[in-house]
C-alpha atoms as a PDB file:
ATOM      1  CA  MET A   1     100.173 147.667  25.079  1.00  0.00           C
ATOM      2  CA  PRO A   2     103.256 147.446  27.286  1.00  0.00           C
ATOM      3  CA  VAL A   3     106.384 149.215  26.061  1.00  0.00           C
ATOM      4  CA  THR A   4     108.703 146.359  26.972  1.00  0.00           C
ATOM      5  CA  ARG A   5     108.681 143.006  28.735  1.00  0.00           C
ATOM      6  CA  GLY A   6     111.173 141.389  31.102  1.00  0.00           C
ATOM      7  CA  ALA A   7     111.357 138.053  32.888  1.00  0.00           C
ATOM      8  CA  LEU A   8     109.301 139.156  35.887  1.00  0.00           C
ATOM      9  CA  GLY A   9     107.251 142.070  34.636  1.00  0.00           C
ATOM     10  CA  GLN A  10     106.280 144.415  31.856  1.00  0.00           C
ATOM     11  CA  ILE A  11     106.586 148.187  31.565  1.00  0.00           C
ATOM     12  CA  TRP A  12     103.744 150.502  30.600  1.00  0.00           C
ATOM     13  CA  LYS A  13     104.130 154.210  29.840  1.00  0.00           C
ATOM     14  CA  LEU A  14     101.666 156.495  31.628  1.00  0.00           C
ATOM     15  CA  SER A  15     101.503 160.130  30.489  1.00  0.00           C
ATOM     16  CA  GLY A  16      99.524 163.149  31.612  1.00  0.00           C
ATOM     17  CA  GLY A  17      99.935 166.826  32.394  1.00  0.00           C
ATOM     18  CA  GLY A  18     103.154 167.035  30.432  1.00  0.00           C
ATOM     19  CA  ARG A  19     104.832 164.269  32.452  1.00  0.00           C
ATOM     20  CA  SER A  20     105.409 160.561  31.960  1.00  0.00           C
ATOM     21  CA  TRP A  21     105.930 157.620  34.300  1.00  0.00           C
ATOM     22  CA  ALA A  22     107.006 154.010  33.862  1.00  0.00           C
ATOM     23  CA  VAL A  23     104.530 151.596  35.438  1.00  0.00           C
ATOM     24  CA  LYS A  24     106.045 148.175  36.090  1.00  0.00           C
ATOM     25  CA  GLU A  25     103.453 145.414  36.291  1.00  0.00           C
ATOM     26  CA  LEU A  26     104.747 142.407  38.237  1.00  0.00           C
ATOM     27  CA  LEU A  27     103.529 139.248  36.513  1.00  0.00           C
ATOM     28  CA  PHE A  28     104.398 136.645  39.119  1.00  0.00           C
ATOM     29  CA  GLY A  29     103.431 138.220  42.428  1.00  0.00           C
ATOM     30  CA  CYS A  30     105.361 140.568  44.680  1.00  0.00           C
ATOM     31  CA  ASP A  31     107.818 140.327  47.577  1.00  0.00           C
ATOM     32  CA  VAL A  32     107.115 143.500  49.568  1.00  0.00           C
ATOM     33  CA  GLU A  33     110.357 143.172  51.549  1.00  0.00           C
ATOM     34  CA  GLN A  34     112.320 142.974  48.302  1.00  0.00           C
ATOM     35  CA  VAL A  35     110.683 146.184  47.078  1.00  0.00           C
ATOM     36  CA  ARG A  36     111.625 147.880  50.364  1.00  0.00           C
ATOM     37  CA  ARG A  37     115.236 146.740  49.874  1.00  0.00           C
ATOM     38  CA  GLU A  38     115.185 148.039  46.296  1.00  0.00           C
ATOM     39  CA  ALA A  39     113.948 151.469  47.396  1.00  0.00           C
ATOM     40  CA  ALA A  40     116.517 151.720  50.208  1.00  0.00           C
ATOM     41  CA  LEU A  41     119.472 150.891  47.964  1.00  0.00           C
ATOM     42  CA  ARG A  42     118.255 153.091  45.134  1.00  0.00           C
ATOM     43  CA  ASN A  43     117.845 156.051  47.496  1.00  0.00           C
ATOM     44  CA  ALA A  44     121.277 155.485  49.060  1.00  0.00           C
ATOM     45  CA  ALA A  45     122.831 155.295  45.575  1.00  0.00           C
ATOM     46  CA  GLU A  46     121.251 158.630  44.653  1.00  0.00           C
ATOM     47  CA  GLU A  47     123.138 160.234  47.533  1.00  0.00           C
ATOM     48  CA  LEU A  48     126.360 158.909  45.985  1.00  0.00           C
ATOM     49  CA  GLY A  49     125.547 160.604  42.679  1.00  0.00           C
ATOM     50  CA  ILE A  50     124.318 157.517  40.849  1.00  0.00           C
ATOM     51  CA  ALA A  51     121.425 158.559  38.612  1.00  0.00           C
ATOM     52  CA  SER A  52     118.382 156.276  38.514  1.00  0.00           C
ATOM     53  CA  PRO A  53     114.610 156.635  38.039  1.00  0.00           C
ATOM     54  CA  ARG A  54     112.778 157.618  41.219  1.00  0.00           C
ATOM     55  CA  LEU A  55     110.583 154.888  42.683  1.00  0.00           C
ATOM     56  CA  MET A  56     107.347 156.578  43.757  1.00  0.00           C
ATOM     57  CA  ALA A  57     105.604 155.848  47.054  1.00  0.00           C
ATOM     58  CA  ASN A  58     101.808 155.703  47.046  1.00  0.00           C
ATOM     59  CA  ARG A  59      99.563 157.631  49.462  1.00  0.00           C
ATOM     60  CA  ASP A  60     100.146 154.961  52.114  1.00  0.00           C
ATOM     61  CA  GLY A  61     103.922 155.288  51.847  1.00  0.00           C
ATOM     62  CA  SER A  62     104.337 151.931  50.109  1.00  0.00           C
ATOM     63  CA  TYR A  63     106.455 151.536  46.977  1.00  0.00           C
ATOM     64  CA  VAL A  64     104.164 148.859  45.542  1.00  0.00           C
ATOM     65  CA  THR A  65     100.418 148.984  44.884  1.00  0.00           C
ATOM     66  CA  ARG A  66      97.924 146.173  44.299  1.00  0.00           C
ATOM     67  CA  LEU A  67      95.460 146.975  41.520  1.00  0.00           C
ATOM     68  CA  PRO A  68      91.792 146.137  42.096  1.00  0.00           C
ATOM     69  CA  SER A  69      90.610 142.804  40.758  1.00  0.00           C
ATOM     70  CA  ASP A  70      88.589 144.428  37.959  1.00  0.00           C
ATOM     71  CA  ALA A  71      91.849 146.013  36.743  1.00  0.00           C
ATOM     72  CA  GLY A  72      93.710 142.716  36.763  1.00  0.00           C
ATOM     73  CA  GLY A  73      94.792 142.509  40.389  1.00  0.00           C
ATOM     74  CA  SER A  74      98.503 142.824  39.580  1.00  0.00           C
ATOM     75  CA  HIS A  75     101.078 144.502  41.787  1.00  0.00           C
ATOM     76  CA  VAL A  76     102.616 147.606  40.198  1.00  0.00           C
ATOM     77  CA  LYS A  77     105.502 149.967  40.883  1.00  0.00           C
ATOM     78  CA  VAL A  78     105.720 153.496  39.459  1.00  0.00           C
ATOM     79  CA  TYR A  79     108.949 155.194  38.382  1.00  0.00           C
ATOM     80  CA  ASP A  80     110.021 158.329  36.563  1.00  0.00           C
ATOM     81  CA  TRP A  81     110.017 157.768  32.824  1.00  0.00           C
ATOM     82  CA  ILE A  82     113.549 158.049  31.440  1.00  0.00           C
ATOM     83  CA  ASP A  83     114.239 158.896  27.813  1.00  0.00           C
ATOM     84  CA  GLY A  84     117.643 157.903  26.511  1.00  0.00           C
ATOM     85  CA  ASP A  85     119.712 155.730  24.228  1.00  0.00           C
ATOM     86  CA  ALA A  86     120.834 152.187  24.874  1.00  0.00           C
ATOM     87  CA  ALA A  87     124.239 151.925  26.520  1.00  0.00           C
ATOM     88  CA  ASP A  88     127.126 151.309  24.117  1.00  0.00           C
ATOM     89  CA  PRO A  89     129.670 149.065  25.887  1.00  0.00           C
ATOM     90  CA  SER A  90     132.303 150.040  23.314  1.00  0.00           C
ATOM     91  CA  ASP A  91     132.263 153.658  24.549  1.00  0.00           C
ATOM     92  CA  PRO A  92     135.373 154.134  26.749  1.00  0.00           C
ATOM     93  CA  ALA A  93     133.733 156.918  28.752  1.00  0.00           C
ATOM     94  CA  LEU A  94     130.767 154.693  29.529  1.00  0.00           C
ATOM     95  CA  LEU A  95     133.056 151.855  30.611  1.00  0.00           C
ATOM     96  CA  ASP A  96     134.796 154.261  32.972  1.00  0.00           C
ATOM     97  CA  TRP A  97     131.435 155.434  34.341  1.00  0.00           C
ATOM     98  CA  PHE A  98     130.290 151.882  34.902  1.00  0.00           C
ATOM     99  CA  GLY A  99     133.466 150.754  36.693  1.00  0.00           C
ATOM    100  CA  ARG A 100     133.264 153.753  39.021  1.00  0.00           C
ATOM    101  CA  THR A 101     129.536 153.230  39.623  1.00  0.00           C
ATOM    102  CA  MET A 102     130.030 149.580  40.567  1.00  0.00           C
ATOM    103  CA  ALA A 103     132.791 150.552  43.005  1.00  0.00           C
ATOM    104  CA  LEU A 104     130.553 153.167  44.653  1.00  0.00           C
ATOM    105  CA  LEU A 105     127.774 150.600  45.043  1.00  0.00           C
ATOM    106  CA  HIS A 106     130.139 148.056  46.581  1.00  0.00           C
ATOM    107  CA  ARG A 107     131.656 150.583  48.969  1.00  0.00           C
ATOM    108  CA  ALA A 108     128.206 151.740  50.056  1.00  0.00           C
ATOM    109  CA  GLY A 109     127.079 148.128  50.525  1.00  0.00           C
ATOM    110  CA  GLU A 110     130.020 146.984  52.650  1.00  0.00           C
ATOM    111  CA  GLY A 111     129.333 145.640  56.103  1.00  0.00           C
ATOM    112  CA  THR A 112     126.221 143.768  55.033  1.00  0.00           C
ATOM    113  CA  ALA A 113     125.079 141.357  57.717  1.00  0.00           C
ATOM    114  CA  GLU A 114     125.879 137.748  56.923  1.00  0.00           C
ATOM    115  CA  GLU A 115     122.280 136.983  55.984  1.00  0.00           C
ATOM    116  CA  GLU A 116     121.411 134.060  53.754  1.00  0.00           C
ATOM    117  CA  LEU A 117     121.954 134.867  50.099  1.00  0.00           C
ATOM    118  CA  ASP A 118     119.300 134.137  47.526  1.00  0.00           C
ATOM    119  CA  PRO A 119     120.126 130.663  46.130  1.00  0.00           C
ATOM    120  CA  TRP A 120     119.464 132.069  42.643  1.00  0.00           C
ATOM    121  CA  TYR A 121     123.005 133.458  42.846  1.00  0.00           C
ATOM    122  CA  THR A 122     124.753 130.633  44.696  1.00  0.00           C
ATOM    123  CA  ARG A 123     123.245 127.326  43.517  1.00  0.00           C
ATOM    124  CA  CYS A 124     122.052 125.700  40.308  1.00  0.00           C
ATOM    125  CA  PRO A 125     120.217 122.538  39.202  1.00  0.00           C
ATOM    126  CA  GLU A 126     122.087 119.249  39.394  1.00  0.00           C
ATOM    127  CA  GLU A 127     122.421 116.720  36.572  1.00  0.00           C
ATOM    128  CA  ALA A 128     119.318 114.723  37.533  1.00  0.00           C
ATOM    129  CA  GLY A 129     117.219 117.888  37.559  1.00  0.00           C
ATOM    130  CA  TRP A 130     118.377 118.835  34.071  1.00  0.00           C
ATOM    131  CA  LYS A 131     117.681 115.373  32.685  1.00  0.00           C
ATOM    132  CA  GLY A 132     114.195 115.314  34.183  1.00  0.00           C
ATOM    133  CA  LEU A 133     113.421 118.729  32.739  1.00  0.00           C
ATOM    134  CA  HIS A 134     114.654 117.690  29.301  1.00  0.00           C
ATOM    135  CA  GLU A 135     112.449 114.591  29.340  1.00  0.00           C
ATOM    136  CA  ARG A 136     109.386 116.734  30.113  1.00  0.00           C
ATOM    137  CA  VAL A 137     110.254 119.193  27.353  1.00  0.00           C
ATOM    138  CA  GLU A 138     110.623 116.320  24.871  1.00  0.00           C
ATOM    139  CA  ARG A 139     107.258 114.853  25.867  1.00  0.00           C
ATOM    140  CA  ALA A 140     105.659 118.271  25.399  1.00  0.00           C
ATOM    141  CA  GLY A 141     107.096 118.409  21.864  1.00  0.00           C
ATOM    142  CA  LEU A 142     108.621 121.882  22.272  1.00  0.00           C
ATOM    143  CA  ALA A 143     110.671 122.955  19.281  1.00  0.00           C
ATOM    144  CA  TRP A 144     113.841 123.612  21.277  1.00  0.00           C
ATOM    145  CA  ALA A 145     113.957 120.187  22.976  1.00  0.00           C
ATOM    146  CA  GLY A 146     116.971 119.162  20.896  1.00  0.00           C
ATOM    147  CA  GLU A 147     118.938 122.301  21.778  1.00  0.00           C
ATOM    148  CA  LEU A 148     118.164 121.809  25.443  1.00  0.00           C
ATOM    149  CA  GLY A 149     119.228 118.159  25.248  1.00  0.00           C
ATOM    150  CA  ARG A 150     122.603 119.069  23.752  1.00  0.00           C
ATOM    151  CA  PHE A 151     123.098 121.677  26.487  1.00  0.00           C
ATOM    152  CA  VAL A 152     122.175 119.201  29.217  1.00  0.00           C
ATOM    153  CA  GLY A 153     124.627 116.687  27.788  1.00  0.00           C
ATOM    154  CA  THR A 154     127.516 119.142  27.672  1.00  0.00           C
ATOM    155  CA  SER A 155     127.670 122.593  29.266  1.00  0.00           C
ATOM    156  CA  ALA A 156     125.037 122.380  32.011  1.00  0.00           C
ATOM    157  CA  VAL A 157     126.960 120.082  34.349  1.00  0.00           C
ATOM    158  CA  GLU A 158     130.379 121.507  33.449  1.00  0.00           C
ATOM    159  CA  LEU A 159     129.383 125.083  34.235  1.00  0.00           C
ATOM    160  CA  GLY A 160     127.493 123.982  37.327  1.00  0.00           C
ATOM    161  CA  GLY A 161     130.739 122.597  38.687  1.00  0.00           C
ATOM    162  CA  TRP A 162     132.093 126.142  38.931  1.00  0.00           C
ATOM    163  CA  VAL A 163     129.188 127.400  41.058  1.00  0.00           C
ATOM    164  CA  THR A 164     130.603 127.942  44.540  1.00  0.00           C
ATOM    165  CA  SER A 165     129.599 129.301  47.929  1.00  0.00           C
ATOM    166  CA  VAL A 166     130.418 132.858  48.987  1.00  0.00           C
ATOM    167  CA  GLU A 167     133.417 133.619  51.164  1.00  0.00           C
ATOM    168  CA  PRO A 168     132.694 135.225  54.567  1.00  0.00           C
ATOM    169  CA  GLY A 169     133.441 138.952  54.520  1.00  0.00           C
ATOM    170  CA  ASP A 170     132.842 139.268  50.763  1.00  0.00           C
ATOM    171  CA  VAL A 171     129.129 140.059  51.056  1.00  0.00           C
ATOM    172  CA  VAL A 172     127.811 143.473  50.008  1.00  0.00           C
ATOM    173  CA  THR A 173     124.367 144.850  49.298  1.00  0.00           C
ATOM    174  CA  SER A 174     124.228 145.732  45.625  1.00  0.00           C
ATOM    175  CA  HIS A 175     122.157 145.992  42.447  1.00  0.00           C
ATOM    176  CA  LEU A 176     122.737 142.370  41.248  1.00  0.00           C
ATOM    177  CA  ASP A 177     121.811 143.010  37.612  1.00  0.00           C
ATOM    178  CA  LEU A 178     124.561 145.312  36.386  1.00  0.00           C
ATOM    179  CA  ARG A 179     124.183 144.665  32.659  1.00  0.00           C
ATOM    180  CA  PRO A 180     124.484 147.164  29.784  1.00  0.00           C
ATOM    181  CA  ALA A 181     120.789 146.509  29.077  1.00  0.00           C
ATOM    182  CA  ASN A 182     119.999 148.178  32.407  1.00  0.00           C
ATOM    183  CA  VAL A 183     121.677 151.462  31.535  1.00  0.00           C
ATOM    184  CA  LEU A 184     120.207 154.286  29.446  1.00  0.00           C
ATOM    185  CA  VAL A 185     122.195 157.327  28.374  1.00  0.00           C
ATOM    186  CA  GLY A 186     120.040 160.432  28.606  1.00  0.00           C
ATOM    187  CA  ARG A 187     120.702 164.141  28.273  1.00  0.00           C
ATOM    188  CA  GLN A 188     122.265 164.274  31.733  1.00  0.00           C
ATOM    189  CA  GLY A 189     124.372 161.151  31.268  1.00  0.00           C
ATOM    190  CA  PRO A 190     124.041 157.448  32.138  1.00  0.00           C
ATOM    191  CA  VAL A 191     121.110 156.257  34.250  1.00  0.00           C
ATOM    192  CA  LEU A 192     121.051 152.890  36.049  1.00  0.00           C
ATOM    193  CA  LEU A 193     117.707 151.071  35.766  1.00  0.00           C
ATOM    194  CA  ASP A 194     116.024 147.937  37.119  1.00  0.00           C
ATOM    195  CA  TRP A 195     116.895 147.684  40.814  1.00  0.00           C
ATOM    196  CA  ASP A 196     114.368 144.876  41.413  1.00  0.00           C
ATOM    197  CA  ASN A 197     117.011 142.315  42.399  1.00  0.00           C
ATOM    198  CA  ALA A 198     118.812 144.504  44.965  1.00  0.00           C
ATOM    199  CA  GLY A 199     120.164 142.511  47.875  1.00  0.00           C
ATOM    200  CA  PRO A 200     123.203 140.761  49.362  1.00  0.00           C
ATOM    201  CA  ALA A 201     125.751 139.037  47.166  1.00  0.00           C
ATOM    202  CA  SER A 202     129.451 138.359  46.750  1.00  0.00           C
ATOM    203  CA  ALA A 203     131.256 141.496  45.593  1.00  0.00           C
ATOM    204  CA  GLU A 204     133.808 139.352  43.753  1.00  0.00           C
ATOM    205  CA  GLN A 205     131.172 137.361  41.926  1.00  0.00           C
ATOM    206  CA  GLU A 206     129.047 140.378  41.007  1.00  0.00           C
ATOM    207  CA  PHE A 207     132.175 142.174  39.771  1.00  0.00           C
ATOM    208  CA  ALA A 208     133.180 139.222  37.556  1.00  0.00           C
ATOM    209  CA  ARG A 209     129.668 138.781  36.175  1.00  0.00           C
ATOM    210  CA  ALA A 210     129.385 142.485  35.368  1.00  0.00           C
ATOM    211  CA  VAL A 211     132.791 142.607  33.674  1.00  0.00           C
ATOM    212  CA  PHE A 212     131.791 139.656  31.491  1.00  0.00           C
ATOM    213  CA  GLY A 213     128.683 141.523  30.328  1.00  0.00           C
ATOM    214  CA  TRP A 214     130.409 144.846  29.744  1.00  0.00           C
ATOM    215  CA  SER A 215     133.218 143.185  27.773  1.00  0.00           C
ATOM    216  CA  GLY A 216     130.713 141.850  25.245  1.00  0.00           C
ATOM    217  CA  GLY A 217     129.878 138.493  26.810  1.00  0.00           C
ATOM    218  CA  ASN A 218     131.321 135.735  24.669  1.00  0.00           C
ATOM    219  CA  ARG A 219     133.064 138.290  22.457  1.00  0.00           C
ATOM    220  CA  GLY A 220     135.479 138.644  25.376  1.00  0.00           C
ATOM    221  CA  ASP A 221     136.783 142.161  24.685  1.00  0.00           C
ATOM    222  CA  VAL A 222     139.824 142.104  26.955  1.00  0.00           C
ATOM    223  CA  GLU A 223     140.523 145.829  26.645  1.00  0.00           C
ATOM    224  CA  ALA A 224     136.963 146.699  27.667  1.00  0.00           C
ATOM    225  CA  ALA A 225     137.222 144.328  30.646  1.00  0.00           C
ATOM    226  CA  ARG A 226     140.495 145.882  31.762  1.00  0.00           C
ATOM    227  CA  ARG A 227     139.096 149.387  31.402  1.00  0.00           C
ATOM    228  CA  VAL A 228     136.091 148.576  33.612  1.00  0.00           C
ATOM    229  CA  ALA A 229     138.343 146.903  36.176  1.00  0.00           C
ATOM    230  CA  LEU A 230     140.766 149.851  36.276  1.00  0.00           C
ATOM    231  CA  ALA A 231     137.953 152.365  36.761  1.00  0.00           C
ATOM    232  CA  TYR A 232     136.506 150.144  39.482  1.00  0.00           C
ATOM    233  CA  ARG A 233     139.844 149.881  41.282  1.00  0.00           C
ATOM    234  CA  ARG A 234     140.580 153.625  41.047  1.00  0.00           C
ATOM    235  CA  ALA A 235     137.205 154.361  42.643  1.00  0.00           C
ATOM    236  CA  GLY A 236     138.010 152.138  45.617  1.00  0.00           C
ATOM    237  CA  GLY A 237     136.449 148.851  44.523  1.00  0.00           C
ATOM    238  CA  ARG A 238     138.073 145.908  46.286  1.00  0.00           C
ATOM    239  CA  ALA A 239     136.782 142.842  44.428  1.00  0.00           C
ATOM    240  CA  VAL A 240     139.389 140.836  42.523  1.00  0.00           C
ATOM    241  CA  VAL A 241     138.933 138.062  39.955  1.00  0.00           C
ATOM    242  CA  SER A 242     140.986 135.106  41.151  1.00  0.00           C
ATOM    243  CA  GLY A 243     139.928 132.367  38.713  1.00  0.00           C
ATOM    244  CA  PRO A 244     136.940 130.840  36.891  1.00  0.00           C
ATOM    245  CA  ALA A 245     135.139 130.337  40.215  1.00  0.00           C
ATOM    246  CA  SER A 246     134.941 134.133  40.507  1.00  0.00           C
ATOM    247  CA  PHE A 247     132.334 133.868  37.722  1.00  0.00           C
ATOM    248  CA  SER A 248     130.141 131.600  39.864  1.00  0.00           C
ATOM    249  CA  MET A 249     127.260 134.105  39.900  1.00  0.00           C
ATOM    250  CA  LEU A 250     127.410 134.397  36.103  1.00  0.00           C
ATOM    251  CA  PHE A 251     127.149 130.624  35.707  1.00  0.00           C
ATOM    252  CA  ALA A 252     124.486 130.185  38.403  1.00  0.00           C
ATOM    253  CA  THR A 253     122.175 132.899  37.098  1.00  0.00           C
ATOM    254  CA  HIS A 254     122.470 131.783  33.478  1.00  0.00           C
ATOM    255  CA  LEU A 255     121.793 128.144  34.355  1.00  0.00           C
ATOM    256  CA  ASN A 256     118.916 129.036  36.680  1.00  0.00           C
ATOM    257  CA  TYR A 257     117.368 131.345  34.097  1.00  0.00           C
ATOM    258  CA  ILE A 258     117.290 128.610  31.459  1.00  0.00           C
ATOM    259  CA  HIS A 259     115.795 126.161  33.948  1.00  0.00           C
ATOM    260  CA  VAL A 260     113.119 128.547  35.246  1.00  0.00           C
ATOM    261  CA  GLN A 261     112.072 129.702  31.780  1.00  0.00           C
ATOM    262  CA  ALA A 262     111.855 126.102  30.554  1.00  0.00           C
ATOM    263  CA  GLU A 263     109.636 125.297  33.536  1.00  0.00           C
ATOM    264  CA  CYS A 264     107.447 128.292  32.716  1.00  0.00           C
ATOM    265  CA  ALA A 265     107.163 127.194  29.088  1.00  0.00           C
ATOM    266  CA  LEU A 266     105.685 123.915  30.381  1.00  0.00           C
ATOM    267  CA  ASP A 267     103.381 125.476  32.972  1.00  0.00           C
ATOM    268  CA  PRO A 268      99.659 125.188  32.103  1.00  0.00           C
ATOM    269  CA  ALA A 269      98.802 127.659  34.880  1.00  0.00           C
ATOM    270  CA  VAL A 270     100.347 130.670  33.098  1.00  0.00           C
ATOM    271  CA  THR A 271      99.043 132.371  29.983  1.00  0.00           C
ATOM    272  CA  GLU A 272      99.897 131.305  26.454  1.00  0.00           C
ATOM    273  CA  ALA A 273     101.758 134.599  25.994  1.00  0.00           C
ATOM    274  CA  GLN A 274     103.871 133.904  29.077  1.00  0.00           C
ATOM    275  CA  ARG A 275     104.713 130.397  27.829  1.00  0.00           C
ATOM    276  CA  ALA A 276     105.680 131.796  24.422  1.00  0.00           C
ATOM    277  CA  PHE A 277     107.900 134.435  26.041  1.00  0.00           C
ATOM    278  CA  ALA A 278     109.536 131.747  28.191  1.00  0.00           C
ATOM    279  CA  SER A 279     110.282 129.609  25.129  1.00  0.00           C
ATOM    280  CA  GLU A 280     111.907 132.586  23.398  1.00  0.00           C
ATOM    281  CA  GLN A 281     114.040 133.218  26.472  1.00  0.00           C
ATOM    282  CA  VAL A 282     115.191 129.592  26.621  1.00  0.00           C
ATOM    283  CA  VAL A 283     116.297 129.631  22.987  1.00  0.00           C
ATOM    284  CA  GLU A 284     118.119 132.941  23.358  1.00  0.00           C
ATOM    285  CA  SER A 285     119.808 131.855  26.589  1.00  0.00           C
ATOM    286  CA  LEU A 286     120.934 128.521  25.156  1.00  0.00           C
ATOM    287  CA  ARG A 287     122.669 130.442  22.381  1.00  0.00           C
ATOM    288  CA  THR A 288     124.485 132.774  24.792  1.00  0.00           C
ATOM    289  CA  VAL A 289     125.760 130.281  27.371  1.00  0.00           C
ATOM    290  CA  PRO A 290     129.016 131.654  28.868  1.00  0.00           C
ATOM    291  CA  ASP A 291     132.063 130.208  27.146  1.00  0.00           C
ATOM    292  CA  LEU A 292     134.659 128.895  29.599  1.00  0.00           C
ATOM    293  CA  ALA A 293     137.449 129.706  27.153  1.00  0.00           C
ATOM    294  CA  VAL A 294     136.366 133.366  27.159  1.00  0.00           C
ATOM    295  CA  VAL A 295     136.123 133.331  30.958  1.00  0.00           C
ATOM    296  CA  SER A 296     139.677 131.972  31.166  1.00  0.00           C
ATOM    297  CA  ARG A 297     140.903 134.732  28.859  1.00  0.00           C
ATOM    298  CA  LEU A 298     139.266 137.362  31.079  1.00  0.00           C
ATOM    299  CA  VAL A 299     140.786 135.783  34.181  1.00  0.00           C
ATOM    300  CA  GLY A 300     144.228 136.190  32.622  1.00  0.00           C
ATOM    301  CA  ALA A 301     143.609 139.784  31.577  1.00  0.00           C
ATOM    302  CA  LEU A 302     142.112 140.897  34.892  1.00  0.00           C
ATOM    303  CA  GLY A 303     144.866 139.285  36.891  1.00  0.00           C
ATOM    304  CA  THR A 304     147.216 142.039  35.685  1.00  0.00           C
ATOM    305  CA  VAL A 305     144.972 144.895  36.865  1.00  0.00           C
ATOM    306  CA  GLY A 306     146.523 146.359  40.010  1.00  0.00           C
END
């Protein structure tokens, strides 16, 4: 059985000869260029002193391997296995580590060519798309149709209005999933996991999204947010939160995640287990939609960080 499951893949633990590895099985295909980008950024980050699991190349020098059809035919990636405890965002030392780490990533990723950004981070469904999705969910009789309907009638369009384009010159290559859930604290200190999304993005928007997560999401711990921002600034990070639109990436990714998981829950081409997982993710995400009042409070607090 897999050890854990994410939106795009599941992790298996492989042990032998006194060593262990994490094998990530990609459930929805593989973008080889994205894996190359992941490996390049992860290796560059290691040179900056950012600890992360090694991504192993196979005998052909590729960082991704296609299993034979009799073994399922999935694409897999192999990493060092990391033992550790879940990150505690209330730990001041960990907040300092994270702020510094984000600044190092942004400094290393400066000068990124103005290539097209993944629309996952810059766009979101419009009102008609949400209404059409809700109608399909209702017809399918899914238990969370009512919750989705209330969301579509209130927050979906309002939050979507804050999703903006990226300013020229603000693009960096970075991790793009800098959440506490992607940090383990081992014997040697914090380790940054899950580099699958590595690519170009707005430094300002990634900074704001990360601060929201590390300040407890809708708990809006202002002191934690300020601590992360101060550590980031002291380490040379340049991104600044200028208003609610700075949180555009946070809104876009949350909205897109709900939409994609709802689509998956309706998809007859995926397995029953995948549809069940998607339904669970929709329900959880609907209950953790970013609160604009909390975002406004963070904007005020971060505006005083020099």
